[in-house]
Amino acid sequence: MSKVVSGAVLALVTTLAGCAPVNTSVRNAADNRFLDIRSGESTREDVARLLGKPESQTRFERLREEVWSYRYQTTRHMLVSVHFSTDTGKVKYFTDEPDPWYHKTIGT
């Protein structure tokens, strides 16, 4: 009985996961390549090598920042934003948080 329930849950999760717009370069919680990003050390090239092409790139001239965004899914839809200094080209910091777009427009 538990194998049947487990199989049904796996099928449901797989089906639901297929409906979400998720960047395949950051696949799941077990694939934590973004943890190798180092503030003040990692460059754009380092991040591209670790995470692939970002879903979006945004420049903030007054802040002297460029932000690369990556979406991925664990048990929740998440968003990693990597902030680069436009002066040095190195990572200033990054955030890893629930994806506000997904949770606002689609649900929990």
PDB file of N, CA and C in Angstrom:
ATOM      1  N   MET A   1       0.816  -1.193   0.000  1.00  0.00           N
ATOM      2  CA  MET A   1       0.000   0.000   0.000  1.00  0.00           C
ATOM      3  C   MET A   1       0.863   1.261   0.000  1.00  0.00           C
ATOM      4  N   SER A   2       1.920   1.292   0.833  1.00  0.00           N
ATOM      5  CA  SER A   2       2.754   2.498   0.896  1.00  0.00           C
ATOM      6  C   SER A   2       3.510   2.713  -0.413  1.00  0.00           C
ATOM      7  N   LYS A   3       3.845   1.632  -1.144  1.00  0.00           N
ATOM      8  CA  LYS A   3       4.501   1.791  -2.443  1.00  0.00           C
ATOM      9  C   LYS A   3       3.560   2.434  -3.444  1.00  0.00           C
ATOM     10  N   VAL A   4       2.276   2.085  -3.380  1.00  0.00           N
ATOM     11  CA  VAL A   4       1.293   2.667  -4.277  1.00  0.00           C
ATOM     12  C   VAL A   4       1.123   4.152  -3.976  1.00  0.00           C
ATOM     13  N   VAL A   5       1.015   4.495  -2.696  1.00  0.00           N
ATOM     14  CA  VAL A   5       0.881   5.894  -2.295  1.00  0.00           C
ATOM     15  C   VAL A   5       2.130   6.675  -2.680  1.00  0.00           C
ATOM     16  N   SER A   6       3.298   6.104  -2.431  1.00  0.00           N
ATOM     17  CA  SER A   6       4.552   6.771  -2.792  1.00  0.00           C
ATOM     18  C   SER A   6       4.625   6.999  -4.292  1.00  0.00           C
ATOM     19  N   GLY A   7       4.236   6.017  -5.067  1.00  0.00           N
ATOM     20  CA  GLY A   7       4.239   6.149  -6.522  1.00  0.00           C
ATOM     21  C   GLY A   7       3.282   7.227  -6.990  1.00  0.00           C
ATOM     22  N   ALA A   8       2.097   7.287  -6.369  1.00  0.00           N
ATOM     23  CA  ALA A   8       1.108   8.304  -6.728  1.00  0.00           C
ATOM     24  C   ALA A   8       1.607   9.701  -6.383  1.00  0.00           C
ATOM     25  N   VAL A   9       2.233   9.835  -5.219  1.00  0.00           N
ATOM     26  CA  VAL A   9       2.782  11.131  -4.811  1.00  0.00           C
ATOM     27  C   VAL A   9       3.887  11.550  -5.770  1.00  0.00           C
ATOM     28  N   LEU A  10       4.777  10.633  -6.124  1.00  0.00           N
ATOM     29  CA  LEU A  10       5.860  10.929  -7.057  1.00  0.00           C
ATOM     30  C   LEU A  10       5.300  11.364  -8.406  1.00  0.00           C
ATOM     31  N   ALA A  11       4.287  10.681  -8.899  1.00  0.00           N
ATOM     32  CA  ALA A  11       3.675  11.043 -10.179  1.00  0.00           C
ATOM     33  C   ALA A  11       3.052  12.434 -10.108  1.00  0.00           C
ATOM     34  N   LEU A  12       2.383  12.746  -9.006  1.00  0.00           N
ATOM     35  CA  LEU A  12       1.759  14.056  -8.838  1.00  0.00           C
ATOM     36  C   LEU A  12       2.806  15.168  -8.789  1.00  0.00           C
ATOM     37  N   VAL A  13       3.852  14.959  -8.010  1.00  0.00           N
ATOM     38  CA  VAL A  13       4.919  15.960  -7.894  1.00  0.00           C
ATOM     39  C   VAL A  13       5.589  16.176  -9.242  1.00  0.00           C
ATOM     40  N   THR A  14       5.854  15.103  -9.969  1.00  0.00           N
ATOM     41  CA  THR A  14       6.492  15.212 -11.284  1.00  0.00           C
ATOM     42  C   THR A  14       5.605  15.975 -12.252  1.00  0.00           C
ATOM     43  N   THR A  15       4.315  15.700 -12.221  1.00  0.00           N
ATOM     44  CA  THR A  15       3.376  16.390 -13.090  1.00  0.00           C
ATOM     45  C   THR A  15       3.301  17.870 -12.752  1.00  0.00           C
ATOM     46  N   LEU A  16       3.169  18.200 -11.475  1.00  0.00           N
ATOM     47  CA  LEU A  16       3.080  19.598 -11.065  1.00  0.00           C
ATOM     48  C   LEU A  16       4.369  20.352 -11.346  1.00  0.00           C
ATOM     49  N   ALA A  17       5.491  19.711 -11.165  1.00  0.00           N
ATOM     50  CA  ALA A  17       6.779  20.368 -11.406  1.00  0.00           C
ATOM     51  C   ALA A  17       6.934  20.731 -12.873  1.00  0.00           C
ATOM     52  N   GLY A  18       6.344  19.940 -13.753  1.00  0.00           N
ATOM     53  CA  GLY A  18       6.420  20.220 -15.178  1.00  0.00           C
ATOM     54  C   GLY A  18       5.676  21.476 -15.587  1.00  0.00           C
ATOM     55  N   CYS A  19       4.772  21.963 -14.762  1.00  0.00           N
ATOM     56  CA  CYS A  19       3.964  23.149 -15.077  1.00  0.00           C
ATOM     57  C   CYS A  19       4.661  24.449 -14.709  1.00  0.00           C
ATOM     58  N   ALA A  20       5.715  24.388 -13.955  1.00  0.00           N
ATOM     59  CA  ALA A  20       6.334  25.597 -13.422  1.00  0.00           C
ATOM     60  C   ALA A  20       7.457  26.090 -14.324  1.00  0.00           C
ATOM     61  N   PRO A  21       7.602  27.435 -14.481  1.00  0.00           N
ATOM     62  CA  PRO A  21       8.710  27.977 -15.253  1.00  0.00           C
ATOM     63  C   PRO A  21       9.977  27.999 -14.410  1.00  0.00           C
ATOM     64  N   VAL A  22      10.789  26.961 -14.503  1.00  0.00           N
ATOM     65  CA  VAL A  22      11.962  26.832 -13.649  1.00  0.00           C
ATOM     66  C   VAL A  22      13.204  26.729 -14.517  1.00  0.00           C
ATOM     67  N   ASN A  23      14.232  27.490 -14.184  1.00  0.00           N
ATOM     68  CA  ASN A  23      15.500  27.432 -14.888  1.00  0.00           C
ATOM     69  C   ASN A  23      16.155  26.093 -14.598  1.00  0.00           C
ATOM     70  N   THR A  24      16.491  25.352 -15.640  1.00  0.00           N
ATOM     71  CA  THR A  24      17.064  24.024 -15.434  1.00  0.00           C
ATOM     72  C   THR A  24      18.522  24.067 -15.015  1.00  0.00           C
ATOM     73  N   SER A  25      19.162  25.257 -15.039  1.00  0.00           N
ATOM     74  CA  SER A  25      20.566  25.316 -14.641  1.00  0.00           C
ATOM     75  C   SER A  25      20.747  25.180 -13.133  1.00  0.00           C
ATOM     76  N   VAL A  26      19.719  25.475 -12.366  1.00  0.00           N
ATOM     77  CA  VAL A  26      19.762  25.280 -10.919  1.00  0.00           C
ATOM     78  C   VAL A  26      18.610  24.333 -10.621  1.00  0.00           C
ATOM     79  N   ARG A  27      18.888  23.057 -10.562  1.00  0.00           N
ATOM     80  CA  ARG A  27      17.841  22.050 -10.626  1.00  0.00           C
ATOM     81  C   ARG A  27      17.046  21.832  -9.340  1.00  0.00           C
ATOM     82  N   ASN A  28      17.685  21.605  -8.232  1.00  0.00           N
ATOM     83  CA  ASN A  28      16.943  21.284  -7.020  1.00  0.00           C
ATOM     84  C   ASN A  28      17.810  21.522  -5.799  1.00  0.00           C
ATOM     85  N   ALA A  29      17.267  21.231  -4.641  1.00  0.00           N
ATOM     86  CA  ALA A  29      17.975  21.530  -3.386  1.00  0.00           C
ATOM     87  C   ALA A  29      19.285  20.767  -3.273  1.00  0.00           C
ATOM     88  N   ALA A  30      19.369  19.594  -3.865  1.00  0.00           N
ATOM     89  CA  ALA A  30      20.605  18.809  -3.781  1.00  0.00           C
ATOM     90  C   ALA A  30      21.692  19.401  -4.671  1.00  0.00           C
ATOM     91  N   ASP A  31      21.313  20.263  -5.596  1.00  0.00           N
ATOM     92  CA  ASP A  31      22.247  20.856  -6.549  1.00  0.00           C
ATOM     93  C   ASP A  31      22.541  22.293  -6.114  1.00  0.00           C
ATOM     94  N   ASN A  32      23.325  22.458  -5.076  1.00  0.00           N
ATOM     95  CA  ASN A  32      23.569  23.772  -4.469  1.00  0.00           C
ATOM     96  C   ASN A  32      24.829  24.439  -4.992  1.00  0.00           C
ATOM     97  N   ARG A  33      24.983  24.484  -6.303  1.00  0.00           N
ATOM     98  CA  ARG A  33      26.178  25.101  -6.872  1.00  0.00           C
ATOM     99  C   ARG A  33      26.299  26.572  -6.500  1.00  0.00           C
ATOM    100  N   PHE A  34      25.163  27.235  -6.248  1.00  0.00           N
ATOM    101  CA  PHE A  34      25.247  28.657  -5.918  1.00  0.00           C
ATOM    102  C   PHE A  34      25.956  28.890  -4.595  1.00  0.00           C
ATOM    103  N   LEU A  35      26.098  27.855  -3.790  1.00  0.00           N
ATOM    104  CA  LEU A  35      26.824  28.008  -2.529  1.00  0.00           C
ATOM    105  C   LEU A  35      28.323  28.191  -2.747  1.00  0.00           C
ATOM    106  N   ASP A  36      28.799  27.905  -3.974  1.00  0.00           N
ATOM    107  CA  ASP A  36      30.209  28.111  -4.304  1.00  0.00           C
ATOM    108  C   ASP A  36      30.501  29.554  -4.716  1.00  0.00           C
ATOM    109  N   ILE A  37      29.486  30.387  -4.771  1.00  0.00           N
ATOM    110  CA  ILE A  37      29.679  31.793  -5.124  1.00  0.00           C
ATOM    111  C   ILE A  37      30.267  32.523  -3.918  1.00  0.00           C
ATOM    112  N   ARG A  38      31.344  33.266  -4.140  1.00  0.00           N
ATOM    113  CA  ARG A  38      32.043  33.971  -3.067  1.00  0.00           C
ATOM    114  C   ARG A  38      31.981  35.476  -3.285  1.00  0.00           C
ATOM    115  N   SER A  39      31.426  36.196  -2.317  1.00  0.00           N
ATOM    116  CA  SER A  39      31.371  37.664  -2.389  1.00  0.00           C
ATOM    117  C   SER A  39      32.782  38.231  -2.438  1.00  0.00           C
ATOM    118  N   GLY A  40      32.980  39.188  -3.325  1.00  0.00           N
ATOM    119  CA  GLY A  40      34.280  39.831  -3.467  1.00  0.00           C
ATOM    120  C   GLY A  40      35.300  39.020  -4.234  1.00  0.00           C
ATOM    121  N   GLU A  41      34.978  37.789  -4.594  1.00  0.00           N
ATOM    122  CA  GLU A  41      35.914  36.923  -5.319  1.00  0.00           C
ATOM    123  C   GLU A  41      35.368  36.435  -6.652  1.00  0.00           C
ATOM    124  N   SER A  42      34.145  35.901  -6.639  1.00  0.00           N
ATOM    125  CA  SER A  42      33.578  35.308  -7.851  1.00  0.00           C
ATOM    126  C   SER A  42      33.279  36.376  -8.895  1.00  0.00           C
ATOM    127  N   THR A  43      33.571  36.058 -10.160  1.00  0.00           N
ATOM    128  CA  THR A  43      33.321  36.966 -11.274  1.00  0.00           C
ATOM    129  C   THR A  43      32.076  36.508 -12.039  1.00  0.00           C
ATOM    130  N   ARG A  44      31.680  37.298 -13.020  1.00  0.00           N
ATOM    131  CA  ARG A  44      30.556  36.909 -13.881  1.00  0.00           C
ATOM    132  C   ARG A  44      30.833  35.563 -14.549  1.00  0.00           C
ATOM    133  N   GLU A  45      32.057  35.384 -14.988  1.00  0.00           N
ATOM    134  CA  GLU A  45      32.436  34.130 -15.641  1.00  0.00           C
ATOM    135  C   GLU A  45      32.313  32.942 -14.680  1.00  0.00           C
ATOM    136  N   ASP A  46      32.727  33.145 -13.433  1.00  0.00           N
ATOM    137  CA  ASP A  46      32.606  32.086 -12.427  1.00  0.00           C
ATOM    138  C   ASP A  46      31.142  31.697 -12.225  1.00  0.00           C
ATOM    139  N   VAL A  47      30.285  32.707 -12.090  1.00  0.00           N
ATOM    140  CA  VAL A  47      28.864  32.448 -11.849  1.00  0.00           C
ATOM    141  C   VAL A  47      28.239  31.776 -13.069  1.00  0.00           C
ATOM    142  N   ALA A  48      28.573  32.247 -14.261  1.00  0.00           N
ATOM    143  CA  ALA A  48      28.035  31.627 -15.481  1.00  0.00           C
ATOM    144  C   ALA A  48      28.477  30.171 -15.583  1.00  0.00           C
ATOM    145  N   ARG A  49      29.699  29.885 -15.197  1.00  0.00           N
ATOM    146  CA  ARG A  49      30.197  28.511 -15.233  1.00  0.00           C
ATOM    147  C   ARG A  49      29.452  27.632 -14.217  1.00  0.00           C
ATOM    148  N   LEU A  50      29.167  28.182 -13.041  1.00  0.00           N
ATOM    149  CA  LEU A  50      28.474  27.420 -11.999  1.00  0.00           C
ATOM    150  C   LEU A  50      26.982  27.243 -12.272  1.00  0.00           C
ATOM    151  N   LEU A  51      26.318  28.326 -12.702  1.00  0.00           N
ATOM    152  CA  LEU A  51      24.857  28.317 -12.784  1.00  0.00           C
ATOM    153  C   LEU A  51      24.287  28.365 -14.193  1.00  0.00           C
ATOM    154  N   GLY A  52      25.126  28.667 -15.175  1.00  0.00           N
ATOM    155  CA  GLY A  52      24.621  28.779 -16.535  1.00  0.00           C
ATOM    156  C   GLY A  52      24.111  30.176 -16.825  1.00  0.00           C
ATOM    157  N   LYS A  53      23.395  30.292 -17.921  1.00  0.00           N
ATOM    158  CA  LYS A  53      22.856  31.583 -18.349  1.00  0.00           C
ATOM    159  C   LYS A  53      21.732  32.007 -17.407  1.00  0.00           C
ATOM    160  N   PRO A  54      21.762  33.260 -16.929  1.00  0.00           N
ATOM    161  CA  PRO A  54      20.697  33.715 -16.025  1.00  0.00           C
ATOM    162  C   PRO A  54      19.376  33.887 -16.772  1.00  0.00           C
ATOM    163  N   GLU A  55      18.288  33.774 -16.025  1.00  0.00           N
ATOM    164  CA  GLU A  55      16.971  34.004 -16.616  1.00  0.00           C
ATOM    165  C   GLU A  55      16.800  35.471 -16.984  1.00  0.00           C
ATOM    166  N   SER A  56      17.372  36.352 -16.159  1.00  0.00           N
ATOM    167  CA  SER A  56      17.327  37.784 -16.474  1.00  0.00           C
ATOM    168  C   SER A  56      18.581  38.462 -15.947  1.00  0.00           C
ATOM    169  N   GLN A  57      18.912  39.584 -16.583  1.00  0.00           N
ATOM    170  CA  GLN A  57      20.028  40.428 -16.166  1.00  0.00           C
ATOM    171  C   GLN A  57      19.516  41.864 -16.110  1.00  0.00           C
ATOM    172  N   THR A  58      19.727  42.530 -14.987  1.00  0.00           N
ATOM    173  CA  THR A  58      19.245  43.894 -14.806  1.00  0.00           C
ATOM    174  C   THR A  58      20.381  44.766 -14.285  1.00  0.00           C
ATOM    175  N   ARG A  59      20.549  45.943 -14.884  1.00  0.00           N
ATOM    176  CA  ARG A  59      21.570  46.896 -14.427  1.00  0.00           C
ATOM    177  C   ARG A  59      20.914  48.007 -13.634  1.00  0.00           C
ATOM    178  N   PHE A  60      21.557  48.363 -12.532  1.00  0.00           N
ATOM    179  CA  PHE A  60      21.139  49.486 -11.706  1.00  0.00           C
ATOM    180  C   PHE A  60      22.311  50.461 -11.673  1.00  0.00           C
ATOM    181  N   GLU A  61      22.277  51.428 -12.593  1.00  0.00           N
ATOM    182  CA  GLU A  61      23.418  52.336 -12.780  1.00  0.00           C
ATOM    183  C   GLU A  61      23.770  53.104 -11.513  1.00  0.00           C
ATOM    184  N   ARG A  62      22.781  53.641 -10.832  1.00  0.00           N
ATOM    185  CA  ARG A  62      23.065  54.445  -9.633  1.00  0.00           C
ATOM    186  C   ARG A  62      23.647  53.611  -8.496  1.00  0.00           C
ATOM    187  N   LEU A  63      23.264  52.359  -8.433  1.00  0.00           N
ATOM    188  CA  LEU A  63      23.812  51.465  -7.400  1.00  0.00           C
ATOM    189  C   LEU A  63      25.122  50.825  -7.844  1.00  0.00           C
ATOM    190  N   ARG A  64      25.441  51.009  -9.126  1.00  0.00           N
ATOM    191  CA  ARG A  64      26.621  50.370  -9.720  1.00  0.00           C
ATOM    192  C   ARG A  64      26.549  48.857  -9.544  1.00  0.00           C
ATOM    193  N   GLU A  65      25.378  48.323  -9.863  1.00  0.00           N
ATOM    194  CA  GLU A  65      25.139  46.884  -9.742  1.00  0.00           C
ATOM    195  C   GLU A  65      24.520  46.325 -11.015  1.00  0.00           C
ATOM    196  N   GLU A  66      24.831  45.065 -11.239  1.00  0.00           N
ATOM    197  CA  GLU A  66      24.154  44.259 -12.247  1.00  0.00           C
ATOM    198  C   GLU A  66      23.663  43.027 -11.511  1.00  0.00           C
ATOM    199  N   VAL A  67      22.395  42.670 -11.705  1.00  0.00           N
ATOM    200  CA  VAL A  67      21.803  41.550 -10.985  1.00  0.00           C
ATOM    201  C   VAL A  67      21.410  40.461 -11.977  1.00  0.00           C
ATOM    202  N   TRP A  68      21.890  39.260 -11.717  1.00  0.00           N
ATOM    203  CA  TRP A  68      21.508  38.083 -12.499  1.00  0.00           C
ATOM    204  C   TRP A  68      20.536  37.269 -11.658  1.00  0.00           C
ATOM    205  N   SER A  69      19.442  36.853 -12.264  1.00  0.00           N
ATOM    206  CA  SER A  69      18.413  36.100 -11.540  1.00  0.00           C
ATOM    207  C   SER A  69      18.268  34.687 -12.079  1.00  0.00           C
ATOM    208  N   TYR A  70      18.119  33.748 -11.157  1.00  0.00           N
ATOM    209  CA  TYR A  70      17.932  32.328 -11.469  1.00  0.00           C
ATOM    210  C   TYR A  70      16.762  31.796 -10.644  1.00  0.00           C
ATOM    211  N   ARG A  71      15.848  31.117 -11.291  1.00  0.00           N
ATOM    212  CA  ARG A  71      14.740  30.461 -10.582  1.00  0.00           C
ATOM    213  C   ARG A  71      15.042  28.970 -10.488  1.00  0.00           C
ATOM    214  N   TYR A  72      14.641  28.383  -9.372  1.00  0.00           N
ATOM    215  CA  TYR A  72      14.757  26.937  -9.208  1.00  0.00           C
ATOM    216  C   TYR A  72      13.678  26.474  -8.251  1.00  0.00           C
ATOM    217  N   GLN A  73      13.557  25.170  -8.135  1.00  0.00           N
ATOM    218  CA  GLN A  73      12.482  24.617  -7.320  1.00  0.00           C
ATOM    219  C   GLN A  73      12.998  23.563  -6.366  1.00  0.00           C
ATOM    220  N   THR A  74      12.598  23.683  -5.116  1.00  0.00           N
ATOM    221  CA  THR A  74      12.812  22.629  -4.110  1.00  0.00           C
ATOM    222  C   THR A  74      11.399  22.191  -3.749  1.00  0.00           C
ATOM    223  N   THR A  75      11.017  22.305  -2.510  1.00  0.00           N
ATOM    224  CA  THR A  75       9.618  22.096  -2.160  1.00  0.00           C
ATOM    225  C   THR A  75       8.843  23.382  -2.428  1.00  0.00           C
ATOM    226  N   ARG A  76       9.563  24.485  -2.681  1.00  0.00           N
ATOM    227  CA  ARG A  76       8.979  25.783  -3.037  1.00  0.00           C
ATOM    228  C   ARG A  76       9.693  26.316  -4.265  1.00  0.00           C
ATOM    229  N   HIS A  77       9.083  27.270  -4.908  1.00  0.00           N
ATOM    230  CA  HIS A  77       9.714  27.945  -6.032  1.00  0.00           C
ATOM    231  C   HIS A  77      10.602  29.043  -5.459  1.00  0.00           C
ATOM    232  N   MET A  78      11.871  29.040  -5.854  1.00  0.00           N
ATOM    233  CA  MET A  78      12.863  29.923  -5.264  1.00  0.00           C
ATOM    234  C   MET A  78      13.498  30.820  -6.326  1.00  0.00           C
ATOM    235  N   LEU A  79      14.119  31.900  -5.846  1.00  0.00           N
ATOM    236  CA  LEU A  79      14.799  32.851  -6.718  1.00  0.00           C
ATOM    237  C   LEU A  79      16.157  33.193  -6.112  1.00  0.00           C
ATOM    238  N   VAL A  80      17.213  32.956  -6.875  1.00  0.00           N
ATOM    239  CA  VAL A  80      18.558  33.374  -6.480  1.00  0.00           C
ATOM    240  C   VAL A  80      18.884  34.614  -7.306  1.00  0.00           C
ATOM    241  N   SER A  81      19.277  35.695  -6.637  1.00  0.00           N
ATOM    242  CA  SER A  81      19.689  36.920  -7.305  1.00  0.00           C
ATOM    243  C   SER A  81      21.149  37.187  -6.946  1.00  0.00           C
ATOM    244  N   VAL A  82      21.994  37.229  -7.972  1.00  0.00           N
ATOM    245  CA  VAL A  82      23.422  37.468  -7.767  1.00  0.00           C
ATOM    246  C   VAL A  82      23.710  38.912  -8.148  1.00  0.00           C
ATOM    247  N   HIS A  83      24.226  39.698  -7.190  1.00  0.00           N
ATOM    248  CA  HIS A  83      24.493  41.125  -7.382  1.00  0.00           C
ATOM    249  C   HIS A  83      25.989  41.317  -7.644  1.00  0.00           C
ATOM    250  N   PHE A  84      26.303  41.868  -8.819  1.00  0.00           N
ATOM    251  CA  PHE A  84      27.687  42.144  -9.199  1.00  0.00           C
ATOM    252  C   PHE A  84      27.958  43.638  -9.106  1.00  0.00           C
ATOM    253  N   SER A  85      29.167  43.996  -8.734  1.00  0.00           N
ATOM    254  CA  SER A  85      29.622  45.379  -8.819  1.00  0.00           C
ATOM    255  C   SER A  85      29.957  45.663 -10.277  1.00  0.00           C
ATOM    256  N   THR A  86      29.416  46.759 -10.826  1.00  0.00           N
ATOM    257  CA  THR A  86      29.784  47.119 -12.199  1.00  0.00           C
ATOM    258  C   THR A  86      31.190  47.709 -12.258  1.00  0.00           C
ATOM    259  N   ASP A  87      31.736  48.120 -11.108  1.00  0.00           N
ATOM    260  CA  ASP A  87      33.097  48.651 -11.071  1.00  0.00           C
ATOM    261  C   ASP A  87      34.136  47.540 -11.174  1.00  0.00           C
ATOM    262  N   THR A  88      33.926  46.443 -10.423  1.00  0.00           N
ATOM    263  CA  THR A  88      34.927  45.371 -10.370  1.00  0.00           C
ATOM    264  C   THR A  88      34.528  44.134 -11.163  1.00  0.00           C
ATOM    265  N   GLY A  89      33.226  43.969 -11.426  1.00  0.00           N
ATOM    266  CA  GLY A  89      32.758  42.758 -12.108  1.00  0.00           C
ATOM    267  C   GLY A  89      32.663  41.558 -11.179  1.00  0.00           C
ATOM    268  N   LYS A  90      32.868  41.781  -9.889  1.00  0.00           N
ATOM    269  CA  LYS A  90      32.815  40.682  -8.914  1.00  0.00           C
ATOM    270  C   LYS A  90      31.508  40.711  -8.129  1.00  0.00           C
ATOM    271  N   VAL A  91      31.186  39.561  -7.547  1.00  0.00           N
ATOM    272  CA  VAL A  91      29.962  39.439  -6.768  1.00  0.00           C
ATOM    273  C   VAL A  91      30.043  40.306  -5.523  1.00  0.00           C
ATOM    274  N   LYS A  92      29.008  41.110  -5.300  1.00  0.00           N
ATOM    275  CA  LYS A  92      28.890  41.872  -4.056  1.00  0.00           C
ATOM    276  C   LYS A  92      28.220  40.989  -3.004  1.00  0.00           C
ATOM    277  N   TYR A  93      27.102  40.372  -3.397  1.00  0.00           N
ATOM    278  CA  TYR A  93      26.364  39.455  -2.525  1.00  0.00           C
ATOM    279  C   TYR A  93      25.314  38.742  -3.366  1.00  0.00           C
ATOM    280  N   PHE A  94      24.687  37.720  -2.795  1.00  0.00           N
ATOM    281  CA  PHE A  94      23.559  37.092  -3.468  1.00  0.00           C
ATOM    282  C   PHE A  94      22.486  36.771  -2.446  1.00  0.00           C
ATOM    283  N   THR A  95      21.260  36.679  -2.950  1.00  0.00           N
ATOM    284  CA  THR A  95      20.133  36.320  -2.094  1.00  0.00           C
ATOM    285  C   THR A  95      19.499  35.049  -2.629  1.00  0.00           C
ATOM    286  N   ASP A  96      18.928  34.294  -1.732  1.00  0.00           N
ATOM    287  CA  ASP A  96      18.221  33.056  -2.066  1.00  0.00           C
ATOM    288  C   ASP A  96      16.925  33.096  -1.265  1.00  0.00           C
ATOM    289  N   GLU A  97      15.807  33.291  -1.951  1.00  0.00           N
ATOM    290  CA  GLU A  97      14.542  33.498  -1.256  1.00  0.00           C
ATOM    291  C   GLU A  97      13.387  32.911  -2.059  1.00  0.00           C
ATOM    292  N   PRO A  98      12.220  32.762  -1.421  1.00  0.00           N
ATOM    293  CA  PRO A  98      11.053  32.320  -2.181  1.00  0.00           C
ATOM    294  C   PRO A  98      10.793  33.288  -3.341  1.00  0.00           C
ATOM    295  N   ASP A  99      10.448  32.744  -4.482  1.00  0.00           N
ATOM    296  CA  ASP A  99      10.227  33.532  -5.680  1.00  0.00           C
ATOM    297  C   ASP A  99       8.967  34.395  -5.519  1.00  0.00           C
ATOM    298  N   PRO A 100       9.118  35.712  -5.395  1.00  0.00           N
ATOM    299  CA  PRO A 100       7.950  36.560  -5.153  1.00  0.00           C
ATOM    300  C   PRO A 100       6.963  36.543  -6.321  1.00  0.00           C
ATOM    301  N   TRP A 101       7.458  36.439  -7.549  1.00  0.00           N
ATOM    302  CA  TRP A 101       6.556  36.384  -8.701  1.00  0.00           C
ATOM    303  C   TRP A 101       5.664  35.154  -8.625  1.00  0.00           C
ATOM    304  N   TYR A 102       6.259  34.013  -8.404  1.00  0.00           N
ATOM    305  CA  TYR A 102       5.488  32.770  -8.360  1.00  0.00           C
ATOM    306  C   TYR A 102       4.479  32.783  -7.220  1.00  0.00           C
ATOM    307  N   HIS A 103       4.930  33.140  -6.044  1.00  0.00           N
ATOM    308  CA  HIS A 103       4.070  33.062  -4.871  1.00  0.00           C
ATOM    309  C   HIS A 103       2.978  34.128  -4.892  1.00  0.00           C
ATOM    310  N   LYS A 104       3.208  35.229  -5.602  1.00  0.00           N
ATOM    311  CA  LYS A 104       2.186  36.266  -5.701  1.00  0.00           C
ATOM    312  C   LYS A 104       1.142  35.927  -6.760  1.00  0.00           C
ATOM    313  N   THR A 105       1.577  35.412  -7.917  1.00  0.00           N
ATOM    314  CA  THR A 105       0.673  35.211  -9.037  1.00  0.00           C
ATOM    315  C   THR A 105       0.062  33.823  -9.117  1.00  0.00           C
ATOM    316  N   ILE A 106       0.778  32.810  -8.634  1.00  0.00           N
ATOM    317  CA  ILE A 106       0.306  31.438  -8.785  1.00  0.00           C
ATOM    318  C   ILE A 106      -0.154  30.833  -7.466  1.00  0.00           C
ATOM    319  N   GLY A 107       0.568  31.094  -6.403  1.00  0.00           N
ATOM    320  CA  GLY A 107       0.175  30.547  -5.096  1.00  0.00           C
ATOM    321  C   GLY A 107       1.337  29.937  -4.374  1.00  0.00           C
ATOM    322  N   THR A 108       1.055  29.225  -3.309  1.00  0.00           N
ATOM    323  CA  THR A 108       2.112  28.683  -2.461  1.00  0.00           C
ATOM    324  C   THR A 108       2.754  27.461  -2.989  1.00  0.00           C
TER     325      THR A 108
END
